[in-house]
Amino acid sequence: MPLDPWRPFNPDGGDHYLLFERRFRYLVEDPEHTWRRVWTPTVIACPICGIDTGLRLAFKTGTDAVVEAACPTGHVWGEPRVDVSQWMAYCRFRAGQQEIDWLWLIQAGFGEEPPPPIDYVAELRKSSVEIAKYAKRKAKTKVRREVRKARKKVGKRVRNEAMRPVAAILRTAWTMQAGGVEPVDKRRRRAEPKAPKTPPVSTYRKAYGMEAPKKGPKCLVCEDSGRITAPGISIPCTECAGPAAAALAAAERRAERARQGKDRRRTRTENRGAITRSGEQADGPAQAATGRGPGADKAQHAAAEAIARSIRAPGARAHTGVTNFPSGNQAQRHDGRP
């Protein structure tokens, strides 16, 4: 009767069953060595068909007398050459139990043959060839995809151009059949009317004459006073820096914006013309403000010429302009001496 292939492997429970893909070896003592014991590993094969791979060995404690073996073809026989104690120790080793007294058994070669050594050079060469083939296939696939995409695009364009006269004829026939009414293209959707924009709250407040709500203090502890006061108590606020520190921070922010040139839109230069006494001469530009309207440019030009003719005297100093900066007014004075 062949061994059950679903037989459990439980050395602690007395069931020692193993399946070997490679050849199994048992130990035989070498008779030529008399002064020390030398073990020779010997391969087990089926006595009927001679198969030595894929064997199954089993031993049940308290039931079997010898180790039973079975080959893949179904032949079963008792194998007395395999020592029961050695077989049980090998099964415990396969189960993960390391026993120092039986390490010599594994070192002598008892059990399944180890796998053949790996030729890393050949494996690397084989792997490089496979990687190169894979990269080549991917490159070919990408090129074919691009060619197929371009060909499909060109073919679609050619078909559209070729079918354009046919579409025109069909459209004309449909128009004539419908009584001169062109068919409606359902693909063109009408633009949906936009919803009216809702005005902001400030617009309603302005229309009804309502005042804007007043903003409360930023610090709810001291109400922006900088100190916490109570009957007999006046201490600095610990939640804010106080109004002086806030003012200094705001001034520092304005100065930083002015240094960075972010407030240039507020800077302007005005030429107020020349302010002189009789007998003085001004070298700066003369300009007269005449307002706006028809003829304002001509009147301004005439006023400037009149000012220039009326103030002529050598060796005079005049205030020729005022430049407005964010930090204040700065006067520019020029010496008109020759």
C-alpha atoms as a PDB file:
ATOM      1  CA  MET A   1       0.000   0.000   0.000  1.00  0.00           C
ATOM      2  CA  PRO A   2       1.572   3.348  -0.978  1.00  0.00           C
ATOM      3  CA  LEU A   3       2.267   5.965   1.640  1.00  0.00           C
ATOM      4  CA  ASP A   4      -0.368   8.662   2.062  1.00  0.00           C
ATOM      5  CA  PRO A   5       0.948  11.869   0.418  1.00  0.00           C
ATOM      6  CA  TRP A   6      -1.137  13.949   2.862  1.00  0.00           C
ATOM      7  CA  ARG A   7       0.422  12.322   5.877  1.00  0.00           C
ATOM      8  CA  PRO A   8       1.385  14.981   8.460  1.00  0.00           C
ATOM      9  CA  PHE A   9       4.946  15.686   9.578  1.00  0.00           C
ATOM     10  CA  ASN A  10       4.957  15.726  13.377  1.00  0.00           C
ATOM     11  CA  PRO A  11       8.162  14.464  15.041  1.00  0.00           C
ATOM     12  CA  ASP A  12       6.906  15.379  18.508  1.00  0.00           C
ATOM     13  CA  GLY A  13       3.788  13.272  17.919  1.00  0.00           C
ATOM     14  CA  GLY A  14       5.791  10.278  16.648  1.00  0.00           C
ATOM     15  CA  ASP A  15       4.971  10.719  12.915  1.00  0.00           C
ATOM     16  CA  HIS A  16       8.191  11.105  10.901  1.00  0.00           C
ATOM     17  CA  TYR A  17       7.217  11.603   7.251  1.00  0.00           C
ATOM     18  CA  LEU A  18       9.270  13.496   4.643  1.00  0.00           C
ATOM     19  CA  LEU A  19       9.212  13.905   0.867  1.00  0.00           C
ATOM     20  CA  PHE A  20      12.511  14.476  -0.982  1.00  0.00           C
ATOM     21  CA  GLU A  21      12.819  16.044  -4.409  1.00  0.00           C
ATOM     22  CA  ARG A  22      16.536  15.255  -4.626  1.00  0.00           C
ATOM     23  CA  ARG A  23      18.295  12.023  -3.786  1.00  0.00           C
ATOM     24  CA  PHE A  24      18.354  10.740  -0.189  1.00  0.00           C
ATOM     25  CA  ARG A  25      21.572   9.424   1.397  1.00  0.00           C
ATOM     26  CA  TYR A  26      22.118   7.199   4.423  1.00  0.00           C
ATOM     27  CA  LEU A  27      25.449   6.570   6.215  1.00  0.00           C
ATOM     28  CA  VAL A  28      27.603   3.455   5.916  1.00  0.00           C
ATOM     29  CA  GLU A  29      30.717   2.959   8.053  1.00  0.00           C
ATOM     30  CA  ASP A  30      33.926   2.621   6.016  1.00  0.00           C
ATOM     31  CA  PRO A  31      35.619  -0.715   6.985  1.00  0.00           C
ATOM     32  CA  GLU A  32      39.060   0.408   5.780  1.00  0.00           C
ATOM     33  CA  HIS A  33      39.461   2.864   8.657  1.00  0.00           C
ATOM     34  CA  THR A  34      40.054   0.884  11.861  1.00  0.00           C
ATOM     35  CA  TRP A  35      41.530   3.511  14.148  1.00  0.00           C
ATOM     36  CA  ARG A  36      38.696   6.035  13.629  1.00  0.00           C
ATOM     37  CA  ARG A  37      35.161   5.863  12.280  1.00  0.00           C
ATOM     38  CA  VAL A  38      34.537   7.273   8.804  1.00  0.00           C
ATOM     39  CA  TRP A  39      31.043   7.458   7.357  1.00  0.00           C
ATOM     40  CA  THR A  40      30.304   7.139   3.649  1.00  0.00           C
ATOM     41  CA  PRO A  41      26.977   8.601   2.398  1.00  0.00           C
ATOM     42  CA  THR A  42      25.118   6.175   0.119  1.00  0.00           C
ATOM     43  CA  VAL A  43      22.144   6.987  -2.117  1.00  0.00           C
ATOM     44  CA  ILE A  44      18.886   5.046  -1.746  1.00  0.00           C
ATOM     45  CA  ALA A  45      17.062   3.938  -4.914  1.00  0.00           C
ATOM     46  CA  CYS A  46      13.927   1.946  -5.617  1.00  0.00           C
ATOM     47  CA  PRO A  47      14.862  -1.786  -5.817  1.00  0.00           C
ATOM     48  CA  ILE A  48      12.222  -2.361  -8.532  1.00  0.00           C
ATOM     49  CA  CYS A  49      12.444   0.588 -10.949  1.00  0.00           C
ATOM     50  CA  GLY A  50      15.719   2.184  -9.792  1.00  0.00           C
ATOM     51  CA  ILE A  51      14.316   5.698  -9.250  1.00  0.00           C
ATOM     52  CA  ASP A  52      16.342   7.672  -6.687  1.00  0.00           C
ATOM     53  CA  THR A  53      14.517  11.065  -6.761  1.00  0.00           C
ATOM     54  CA  GLY A  54      11.104  11.964  -5.400  1.00  0.00           C
ATOM     55  CA  LEU A  55      11.227   9.286  -2.676  1.00  0.00           C
ATOM     56  CA  ARG A  56       9.063   9.349   0.448  1.00  0.00           C
ATOM     57  CA  LEU A  57      10.228   7.995   3.797  1.00  0.00           C
ATOM     58  CA  ALA A  58       8.027   7.496   6.842  1.00  0.00           C
ATOM     59  CA  PHE A  59       8.196   6.008  10.322  1.00  0.00           C
ATOM     60  CA  LYS A  60       5.483   5.865  12.990  1.00  0.00           C
ATOM     61  CA  THR A  61       6.671   5.511  16.566  1.00  0.00           C
ATOM     62  CA  GLY A  62       5.108   2.511  18.275  1.00  0.00           C
ATOM     63  CA  THR A  63       3.698   1.099  15.021  1.00  0.00           C
ATOM     64  CA  ASP A  64       6.462   0.561  12.431  1.00  0.00           C
ATOM     65  CA  ALA A  65       9.546  -1.537  12.959  1.00  0.00           C
ATOM     66  CA  VAL A  66      11.635  -0.113  10.123  1.00  0.00           C
ATOM     67  CA  VAL A  67      11.556   2.984   7.959  1.00  0.00           C
ATOM     68  CA  GLU A  68       9.176   2.612   5.015  1.00  0.00           C
ATOM     69  CA  ALA A  69      10.049   4.045   1.598  1.00  0.00           C
ATOM     70  CA  ALA A  70       7.977   4.702  -1.522  1.00  0.00           C
ATOM     71  CA  CYS A  71       8.898   5.843  -5.031  1.00  0.00           C
ATOM     72  CA  PRO A  72       6.824   8.097  -7.355  1.00  0.00           C
ATOM     73  CA  THR A  73       5.570   5.097  -9.351  1.00  0.00           C
ATOM     74  CA  GLY A  74       3.890   3.576  -6.262  1.00  0.00           C
ATOM     75  CA  HIS A  75       6.423   0.927  -5.144  1.00  0.00           C
ATOM     76  CA  VAL A  76       6.626   0.605  -1.349  1.00  0.00           C
ATOM     77  CA  TRP A  77       9.279  -1.312   0.564  1.00  0.00           C
ATOM     78  CA  GLY A  78      10.893  -1.444   3.958  1.00  0.00           C
ATOM     79  CA  GLU A  79      14.342   0.163   4.171  1.00  0.00           C
ATOM     80  CA  PRO A  80      16.357  -1.432   6.996  1.00  0.00           C
ATOM     81  CA  ARG A  81      19.542   0.335   5.872  1.00  0.00           C
ATOM     82  CA  VAL A  82      18.265   3.585   7.295  1.00  0.00           C
ATOM     83  CA  ASP A  83      18.818   3.575  11.053  1.00  0.00           C
ATOM     84  CA  VAL A  84      15.644   4.497  12.915  1.00  0.00           C
ATOM     85  CA  SER A  85      17.393   6.636  15.542  1.00  0.00           C
ATOM     86  CA  GLN A  86      19.308   8.540  12.863  1.00  0.00           C
ATOM     87  CA  TRP A  87      16.108   9.022  10.853  1.00  0.00           C
ATOM     88  CA  MET A  88      14.244  10.388  13.891  1.00  0.00           C
ATOM     89  CA  ALA A  89      17.140  12.754  14.712  1.00  0.00           C
ATOM     90  CA  TYR A  90      17.167  13.995  11.102  1.00  0.00           C
ATOM     91  CA  CYS A  91      13.408  14.622  11.240  1.00  0.00           C
ATOM     92  CA  ARG A  92      13.802  16.627  14.445  1.00  0.00           C
ATOM     93  CA  PHE A  93      16.538  18.641  12.733  1.00  0.00           C
ATOM     94  CA  ARG A  94      14.210  19.356   9.795  1.00  0.00           C
ATOM     95  CA  ALA A  95      11.538  20.454  12.298  1.00  0.00           C
ATOM     96  CA  GLY A  96      13.912  23.121  13.664  1.00  0.00           C
ATOM     97  CA  GLN A  97      15.193  21.382  16.787  1.00  0.00           C
ATOM     98  CA  GLN A  98      18.966  21.818  17.062  1.00  0.00           C
ATOM     99  CA  GLU A  99      20.564  18.917  18.955  1.00  0.00           C
ATOM    100  CA  ILE A 100      24.302  19.167  19.511  1.00  0.00           C
ATOM    101  CA  ASP A 101      24.721  15.416  19.931  1.00  0.00           C
ATOM    102  CA  TRP A 102      23.448  14.800  16.362  1.00  0.00           C
ATOM    103  CA  LEU A 103      25.297  17.554  14.489  1.00  0.00           C
ATOM    104  CA  TRP A 104      27.857  15.009  13.302  1.00  0.00           C
ATOM    105  CA  LEU A 105      25.050  13.226  11.441  1.00  0.00           C
ATOM    106  CA  ILE A 106      24.306  16.244   9.284  1.00  0.00           C
ATOM    107  CA  GLN A 107      27.996  16.993   8.774  1.00  0.00           C
ATOM    108  CA  ALA A 108      28.640  13.408   7.626  1.00  0.00           C
ATOM    109  CA  GLY A 109      26.062  13.813   4.820  1.00  0.00           C
ATOM    110  CA  PHE A 110      22.958  12.044   6.121  1.00  0.00           C
ATOM    111  CA  GLY A 111      19.701  13.173   4.522  1.00  0.00           C
ATOM    112  CA  GLU A 112      18.765  14.897   1.274  1.00  0.00           C
ATOM    113  CA  GLU A 113      21.524  16.002  -1.062  1.00  0.00           C
ATOM    114  CA  PRO A 114      22.232  19.729  -1.008  1.00  0.00           C
ATOM    115  CA  PRO A 115      21.252  21.730  -4.083  1.00  0.00           C
ATOM    116  CA  PRO A 116      23.917  22.204  -6.759  1.00  0.00           C
ATOM    117  CA  PRO A 117      26.152  25.251  -6.416  1.00  0.00           C
ATOM    118  CA  ILE A 118      24.989  28.405  -8.129  1.00  0.00           C
ATOM    119  CA  ASP A 119      27.133  29.736 -10.965  1.00  0.00           C
ATOM    120  CA  TYR A 120      26.736  33.448 -10.334  1.00  0.00           C
ATOM    121  CA  VAL A 121      28.646  34.436 -13.477  1.00  0.00           C
ATOM    122  CA  ALA A 122      26.334  32.381 -15.657  1.00  0.00           C
ATOM    123  CA  GLU A 123      23.281  33.670 -13.794  1.00  0.00           C
ATOM    124  CA  LEU A 124      24.410  37.276 -14.245  1.00  0.00           C
ATOM    125  CA  ARG A 125      25.076  36.683 -17.913  1.00  0.00           C
ATOM    126  CA  LYS A 126      21.673  35.072 -18.339  1.00  0.00           C
ATOM    127  CA  SER A 127      19.966  37.878 -16.431  1.00  0.00           C
ATOM    128  CA  SER A 128      21.702  40.548 -18.542  1.00  0.00           C
ATOM    129  CA  VAL A 129      20.562  38.813 -21.716  1.00  0.00           C
ATOM    130  CA  GLU A 130      16.976  38.654 -20.435  1.00  0.00           C
ATOM    131  CA  ILE A 131      17.059  42.332 -19.421  1.00  0.00           C
ATOM    132  CA  ALA A 132      18.419  43.332 -22.831  1.00  0.00           C
ATOM    133  CA  LYS A 133      15.688  41.326 -24.555  1.00  0.00           C
ATOM    134  CA  TYR A 134      13.039  42.910 -22.345  1.00  0.00           C
ATOM    135  CA  ALA A 135      14.333  46.435 -23.069  1.00  0.00           C
ATOM    136  CA  LYS A 136      14.442  45.661 -26.792  1.00  0.00           C
ATOM    137  CA  ARG A 137      10.843  44.417 -26.730  1.00  0.00           C
ATOM    138  CA  LYS A 138       9.702  47.509 -24.853  1.00  0.00           C
ATOM    139  CA  ALA A 139      11.494  49.811 -27.330  1.00  0.00           C
ATOM    140  CA  LYS A 140       9.925  48.010 -30.295  1.00  0.00           C
ATOM    141  CA  THR A 141       6.503  48.217 -28.686  1.00  0.00           C
ATOM    142  CA  LYS A 142       6.904  51.948 -28.097  1.00  0.00           C
ATOM    143  CA  VAL A 143       8.023  52.577 -31.695  1.00  0.00           C
ATOM    144  CA  ARG A 144       5.140  50.522 -33.050  1.00  0.00           C
ATOM    145  CA  ARG A 145       2.709  52.395 -30.843  1.00  0.00           C
ATOM    146  CA  GLU A 146       3.952  55.769 -32.073  1.00  0.00           C
ATOM    147  CA  VAL A 147       3.865  54.642 -35.711  1.00  0.00           C
ATOM    148  CA  ARG A 148       0.381  53.193 -35.270  1.00  0.00           C
ATOM    149  CA  LYS A 149      -0.802  56.392 -33.585  1.00  0.00           C
ATOM    150  CA  ALA A 150       0.605  58.622 -36.350  1.00  0.00           C
ATOM    151  CA  ARG A 151      -0.792  56.351 -39.060  1.00  0.00           C
ATOM    152  CA  LYS A 152      -4.213  56.353 -37.415  1.00  0.00           C
ATOM    153  CA  LYS A 153      -4.188  60.138 -37.157  1.00  0.00           C
ATOM    154  CA  VAL A 154      -3.187  60.588 -40.813  1.00  0.00           C
ATOM    155  CA  GLY A 155      -5.748  57.990 -41.931  1.00  0.00           C
ATOM    156  CA  LYS A 156      -8.502  59.760 -40.021  1.00  0.00           C
ATOM    157  CA  ARG A 157      -7.583  63.070 -41.602  1.00  0.00           C
ATOM    158  CA  VAL A 158      -7.499  61.530 -45.093  1.00  0.00           C
ATOM    159  CA  ARG A 159     -10.895  59.885 -44.551  1.00  0.00           C
ATOM    160  CA  ASN A 160     -12.410  63.148 -43.353  1.00  0.00           C
ATOM    161  CA  GLU A 161     -11.088  65.012 -46.384  1.00  0.00           C
ATOM    162  CA  ALA A 162     -12.295  62.269 -48.724  1.00  0.00           C
ATOM    163  CA  MET A 163     -15.758  62.142 -47.191  1.00  0.00           C
ATOM    164  CA  ARG A 164     -16.206  65.907 -47.048  1.00  0.00           C
ATOM    165  CA  PRO A 165     -17.860  66.121 -50.564  1.00  0.00           C
ATOM    166  CA  VAL A 166     -20.091  63.166 -49.720  1.00  0.00           C
ATOM    167  CA  ALA A 167     -21.162  64.867 -46.501  1.00  0.00           C
ATOM    168  CA  ALA A 168     -21.927  68.066 -48.425  1.00  0.00           C
ATOM    169  CA  ILE A 169     -24.069  66.136 -50.956  1.00  0.00           C
ATOM    170  CA  LEU A 170     -25.948  64.358 -48.184  1.00  0.00           C
ATOM    171  CA  ARG A 171     -26.496  67.660 -46.366  1.00  0.00           C
ATOM    172  CA  THR A 172     -27.852  69.255 -49.543  1.00  0.00           C
ATOM    173  CA  ALA A 173     -30.183  66.306 -50.205  1.00  0.00           C
ATOM    174  CA  TRP A 174     -31.476  66.477 -46.643  1.00  0.00           C
ATOM    175  CA  THR A 175     -32.083  70.220 -46.972  1.00  0.00           C
ATOM    176  CA  MET A 176     -33.989  69.765 -50.227  1.00  0.00           C
ATOM    177  CA  GLN A 177     -36.069  66.954 -48.741  1.00  0.00           C
ATOM    178  CA  ALA A 178     -36.854  68.991 -45.622  1.00  0.00           C
ATOM    179  CA  GLY A 179     -38.104  71.923 -47.697  1.00  0.00           C
ATOM    180  CA  GLY A 180     -35.065  74.175 -47.580  1.00  0.00           C
ATOM    181  CA  VAL A 181     -34.540  73.956 -43.822  1.00  0.00           C
ATOM    182  CA  GLU A 182     -31.033  73.009 -42.752  1.00  0.00           C
ATOM    183  CA  PRO A 183     -30.808  70.249 -40.129  1.00  0.00           C
ATOM    184  CA  VAL A 184     -30.096  71.303 -36.602  1.00  0.00           C
ATOM    185  CA  ASP A 185     -26.769  70.127 -35.248  1.00  0.00           C
ATOM    186  CA  LYS A 186     -27.596  68.531 -31.918  1.00  0.00           C
ATOM    187  CA  ARG A 187     -23.975  68.567 -30.869  1.00  0.00           C
ATOM    188  CA  ARG A 188     -24.069  72.348 -30.457  1.00  0.00           C
ATOM    189  CA  ARG A 189     -25.629  73.126 -27.136  1.00  0.00           C
ATOM    190  CA  ARG A 190     -27.100  76.466 -26.327  1.00  0.00           C
ATOM    191  CA  ALA A 191     -25.278  78.507 -23.787  1.00  0.00           C
ATOM    192  CA  GLU A 192     -27.112  78.376 -20.512  1.00  0.00           C
ATOM    193  CA  PRO A 193     -28.099  81.777 -19.120  1.00  0.00           C
ATOM    194  CA  LYS A 194     -25.868  82.896 -16.337  1.00  0.00           C
ATOM    195  CA  ALA A 195     -27.389  83.409 -12.945  1.00  0.00           C
ATOM    196  CA  PRO A 196     -27.529  87.049 -11.783  1.00  0.00           C
ATOM    197  CA  LYS A 197     -24.715  88.067  -9.516  1.00  0.00           C
ATOM    198  CA  THR A 198     -25.705  88.712  -5.936  1.00  0.00           C
ATOM    199  CA  PRO A 199     -24.500  92.159  -4.744  1.00  0.00           C
ATOM    200  CA  PRO A 200     -22.318  92.242  -1.638  1.00  0.00           C
ATOM    201  CA  VAL A 201     -23.646  93.220   1.754  1.00  0.00           C
ATOM    202  CA  SER A 202     -21.913  96.614   1.547  1.00  0.00           C
ATOM    203  CA  THR A 203     -24.072  97.546  -1.457  1.00  0.00           C
ATOM    204  CA  TYR A 204     -27.281  96.831   0.459  1.00  0.00           C
ATOM    205  CA  ARG A 205     -25.947  98.717   3.471  1.00  0.00           C
ATOM    206  CA  LYS A 206     -25.120 101.739   1.322  1.00  0.00           C
ATOM    207  CA  ALA A 207     -28.492 101.639  -0.452  1.00  0.00           C
ATOM    208  CA  TYR A 208     -30.441 101.553   2.828  1.00  0.00           C
ATOM    209  CA  GLY A 209     -28.191 104.092   4.543  1.00  0.00           C
ATOM    210  CA  MET A 210     -27.048 101.717   7.226  1.00  0.00           C
ATOM    211  CA  GLU A 211     -23.830 102.253   9.136  1.00  0.00           C
ATOM    212  CA  ALA A 212     -21.090  99.672   8.954  1.00  0.00           C
ATOM    213  CA  PRO A 213     -20.666  97.583  12.130  1.00  0.00           C
ATOM    214  CA  LYS A 214     -17.904  98.814  14.363  1.00  0.00           C
ATOM    215  CA  LYS A 215     -14.939  96.565  14.900  1.00  0.00           C
ATOM    216  CA  GLY A 216     -14.221  95.551  18.436  1.00  0.00           C
ATOM    217  CA  PRO A 217     -10.823  95.660  20.138  1.00  0.00           C
ATOM    218  CA  LYS A 218      -8.179  93.196  19.018  1.00  0.00           C
ATOM    219  CA  CYS A 219      -7.243  92.268  22.602  1.00  0.00           C
ATOM    220  CA  LEU A 220     -10.248  91.219  24.647  1.00  0.00           C
ATOM    221  CA  VAL A 221      -8.278  91.249  27.910  1.00  0.00           C
ATOM    222  CA  CYS A 222      -7.144  94.890  28.065  1.00  0.00           C
ATOM    223  CA  GLU A 223      -9.323  96.253  25.205  1.00  0.00           C
ATOM    224  CA  ASP A 224      -6.208  97.595  23.431  1.00  0.00           C
ATOM    225  CA  SER A 225      -5.215  99.756  26.423  1.00  0.00           C
ATOM    226  CA  GLY A 226      -2.074  97.785  27.259  1.00  0.00           C
ATOM    227  CA  ARG A 227      -2.904  97.382  30.962  1.00  0.00           C
ATOM    228  CA  ILE A 228      -5.267  95.244  32.983  1.00  0.00           C
ATOM    229  CA  THR A 229      -7.058  97.472  35.480  1.00  0.00           C
ATOM    230  CA  ALA A 230      -9.356  96.707  38.378  1.00  0.00           C
ATOM    231  CA  PRO A 231     -10.087  98.303  41.746  1.00  0.00           C
ATOM    232  CA  GLY A 232      -6.615  98.552  43.250  1.00  0.00           C
ATOM    233  CA  ILE A 233      -4.935  96.659  40.345  1.00  0.00           C
ATOM    234  CA  SER A 234      -3.056  98.026  37.316  1.00  0.00           C
ATOM    235  CA  ILE A 235      -0.672  95.584  35.639  1.00  0.00           C
ATOM    236  CA  PRO A 236       0.678  95.339  32.080  1.00  0.00           C
ATOM    237  CA  CYS A 237      -1.303  93.098  29.750  1.00  0.00           C
ATOM    238  CA  THR A 238       0.313  89.726  29.115  1.00  0.00           C
ATOM    239  CA  GLU A 239      -1.826  88.857  26.072  1.00  0.00           C
ATOM    240  CA  CYS A 240      -0.742  91.713  23.771  1.00  0.00           C
ATOM    241  CA  ALA A 241       2.235  94.048  23.375  1.00  0.00           C
ATOM    242  CA  GLY A 242       0.211  97.211  23.989  1.00  0.00           C
ATOM    243  CA  PRO A 243      -0.782 100.144  21.753  1.00  0.00           C
ATOM    244  CA  ALA A 244       2.733 101.626  21.659  1.00  0.00           C
ATOM    245  CA  ALA A 245       4.284  98.377  20.464  1.00  0.00           C
ATOM    246  CA  ALA A 246       1.498  97.933  17.875  1.00  0.00           C
ATOM    247  CA  ALA A 247       2.102 101.491  16.586  1.00  0.00           C
ATOM    248  CA  LEU A 248       5.863 100.885  16.375  1.00  0.00           C
ATOM    249  CA  ALA A 249       5.263  97.598  14.511  1.00  0.00           C
ATOM    250  CA  ALA A 250       2.935  99.343  12.048  1.00  0.00           C
ATOM    251  CA  ALA A 251       5.492 102.104  11.482  1.00  0.00           C
ATOM    252  CA  GLU A 252       8.208  99.507  10.955  1.00  0.00           C
ATOM    253  CA  ARG A 253       6.020  97.721   8.376  1.00  0.00           C
ATOM    254  CA  ARG A 254       5.386 100.984   6.513  1.00  0.00           C
ATOM    255  CA  ALA A 255       9.095 101.810   6.527  1.00  0.00           C
ATOM    256  CA  GLU A 256       9.947  98.328   5.241  1.00  0.00           C
ATOM    257  CA  ARG A 257       7.412  98.682   2.425  1.00  0.00           C
ATOM    258  CA  ALA A 258       8.895 102.073   1.540  1.00  0.00           C
ATOM    259  CA  ARG A 259      12.430 100.605   1.480  1.00  0.00           C
ATOM    260  CA  GLN A 260      11.265  97.800  -0.783  1.00  0.00           C
ATOM    261  CA  GLY A 261       9.589 100.240  -3.178  1.00  0.00           C
ATOM    262  CA  LYS A 262       6.089  98.872  -2.692  1.00  0.00           C
ATOM    263  CA  ASP A 263       4.592 102.341  -2.037  1.00  0.00           C
ATOM    264  CA  ARG A 264       5.855 104.043  -5.179  1.00  0.00           C
ATOM    265  CA  ARG A 265       2.307 104.728  -6.322  1.00  0.00           C
ATOM    266  CA  ARG A 266       2.018 107.217  -3.439  1.00  0.00           C
ATOM    267  CA  THR A 267       5.153 109.177  -4.443  1.00  0.00           C
ATOM    268  CA  ARG A 268       4.740 112.149  -6.719  1.00  0.00           C
ATOM    269  CA  THR A 269       6.828 115.160  -7.701  1.00  0.00           C
ATOM    270  CA  GLU A 270       5.389 118.589  -8.255  1.00  0.00           C
ATOM    271  CA  ASN A 271       7.159 121.592  -9.752  1.00  0.00           C
ATOM    272  CA  ARG A 272       5.752 124.747  -8.230  1.00  0.00           C
ATOM    273  CA  GLY A 273       7.651 126.962 -10.635  1.00  0.00           C
ATOM    274  CA  ALA A 274      10.052 129.664  -9.459  1.00  0.00           C
ATOM    275  CA  ILE A 275       9.459 131.964  -6.484  1.00  0.00           C
ATOM    276  CA  THR A 276      11.772 135.043  -6.753  1.00  0.00           C
ATOM    277  CA  ARG A 277      11.908 138.693  -5.867  1.00  0.00           C
ATOM    278  CA  SER A 278      12.497 141.529  -8.264  1.00  0.00           C
ATOM    279  CA  GLY A 279      15.994 141.492  -9.716  1.00  0.00           C
ATOM    280  CA  GLU A 280      16.468 137.681  -9.167  1.00  0.00           C
ATOM    281  CA  GLN A 281      16.868 134.970 -11.783  1.00  0.00           C
ATOM    282  CA  ALA A 282      15.678 131.330 -11.472  1.00  0.00           C
ATOM    283  CA  ASP A 283      17.270 128.553 -13.513  1.00  0.00           C
ATOM    284  CA  GLY A 284      14.657 125.965 -12.566  1.00  0.00           C
ATOM    285  CA  PRO A 285      11.573 125.081 -14.622  1.00  0.00           C
ATOM    286  CA  ALA A 286       8.698 127.572 -14.548  1.00  0.00           C
ATOM    287  CA  GLN A 287       5.177 126.228 -14.607  1.00  0.00           C
ATOM    288  CA  ALA A 288       1.769 127.800 -14.115  1.00  0.00           C
ATOM    289  CA  ALA A 289      -1.350 125.947 -13.053  1.00  0.00           C
ATOM    290  CA  THR A 290      -4.238 127.082 -15.282  1.00  0.00           C
ATOM    291  CA  GLY A 291      -6.779 124.313 -14.607  1.00  0.00           C
ATOM    292  CA  ARG A 292      -8.361 122.041 -17.152  1.00  0.00           C
ATOM    293  CA  GLY A 293     -10.569 122.557 -20.170  1.00  0.00           C
ATOM    294  CA  PRO A 294     -10.366 123.899 -23.745  1.00  0.00           C
ATOM    295  CA  GLY A 295      -7.259 126.048 -24.298  1.00  0.00           C
ATOM    296  CA  ALA A 296      -5.644 125.085 -20.967  1.00  0.00           C
ATOM    297  CA  ASP A 297      -2.374 123.986 -22.592  1.00  0.00           C
ATOM    298  CA  LYS A 298      -2.071 127.228 -24.597  1.00  0.00           C
ATOM    299  CA  ALA A 299      -2.783 129.343 -21.536  1.00  0.00           C
ATOM    300  CA  GLN A 300      -0.294 127.420 -19.447  1.00  0.00           C
ATOM    301  CA  HIS A 301       2.430 127.888 -22.078  1.00  0.00           C
ATOM    302  CA  ALA A 302       1.766 131.629 -22.285  1.00  0.00           C
ATOM    303  CA  ALA A 303       1.871 131.994 -18.488  1.00  0.00           C
ATOM    304  CA  ALA A 304       5.200 130.160 -18.311  1.00  0.00           C
ATOM    305  CA  GLU A 305       6.727 132.464 -20.933  1.00  0.00           C
ATOM    306  CA  ALA A 306       5.468 135.516 -19.042  1.00  0.00           C
ATOM    307  CA  ILE A 307       7.038 134.272 -15.794  1.00  0.00           C
ATOM    308  CA  ALA A 308      10.322 133.593 -17.539  1.00  0.00           C
ATOM    309  CA  ARG A 309      10.402 137.132 -19.037  1.00  0.00           C
ATOM    310  CA  SER A 310       9.530 138.858 -15.768  1.00  0.00           C
ATOM    311  CA  ILE A 311      12.217 137.236 -13.576  1.00  0.00           C
ATOM    312  CA  ARG A 312      15.589 137.966 -15.099  1.00  0.00           C
ATOM    313  CA  ALA A 313      18.475 139.087 -12.915  1.00  0.00           C
ATOM    314  CA  PRO A 314      21.923 137.483 -12.508  1.00  0.00           C
ATOM    315  CA  GLY A 315      23.122 135.900  -9.257  1.00  0.00           C
ATOM    316  CA  ALA A 316      19.951 134.787  -7.521  1.00  0.00           C
ATOM    317  CA  ARG A 317      18.963 131.679  -5.564  1.00  0.00           C
ATOM    318  CA  ALA A 318      15.500 130.327  -6.012  1.00  0.00           C
ATOM    319  CA  HIS A 319      13.335 127.504  -4.695  1.00  0.00           C
ATOM    320  CA  THR A 320      12.640 125.564  -7.884  1.00  0.00           C
ATOM    321  CA  GLY A 321      10.580 122.598  -6.736  1.00  0.00           C
ATOM    322  CA  VAL A 322       9.166 120.482  -3.925  1.00  0.00           C
ATOM    323  CA  THR A 323       9.208 116.685  -4.018  1.00  0.00           C
ATOM    324  CA  ASN A 324       6.649 114.814  -1.917  1.00  0.00           C
ATOM    325  CA  PHE A 325       7.877 111.596  -0.314  1.00  0.00           C
ATOM    326  CA  PRO A 326       6.022 109.208   2.032  1.00  0.00           C
ATOM    327  CA  SER A 327       8.171 110.411   4.960  1.00  0.00           C
ATOM    328  CA  GLY A 328       7.484 114.144   4.312  1.00  0.00           C
ATOM    329  CA  ASN A 329       8.292 117.097   1.999  1.00  0.00           C
ATOM    330  CA  GLN A 330      11.885 117.647   0.937  1.00  0.00           C
ATOM    331  CA  ALA A 331      12.877 120.936  -0.713  1.00  0.00           C
ATOM    332  CA  GLN A 332      15.415 121.044  -3.552  1.00  0.00           C
ATOM    333  CA  ARG A 333      17.528 124.179  -3.897  1.00  0.00           C
ATOM    334  CA  HIS A 334      19.774 125.035  -6.836  1.00  0.00           C
ATOM    335  CA  ASP A 335      22.303 127.779  -7.291  1.00  0.00           C
ATOM    336  CA  GLY A 336      21.565 129.852 -10.388  1.00  0.00           C
ATOM    337  CA  ARG A 337      24.856 131.642 -10.524  1.00  0.00           C
ATOM    338  CA  PRO A 338      26.731 131.455 -13.889  1.00  0.00           C
END
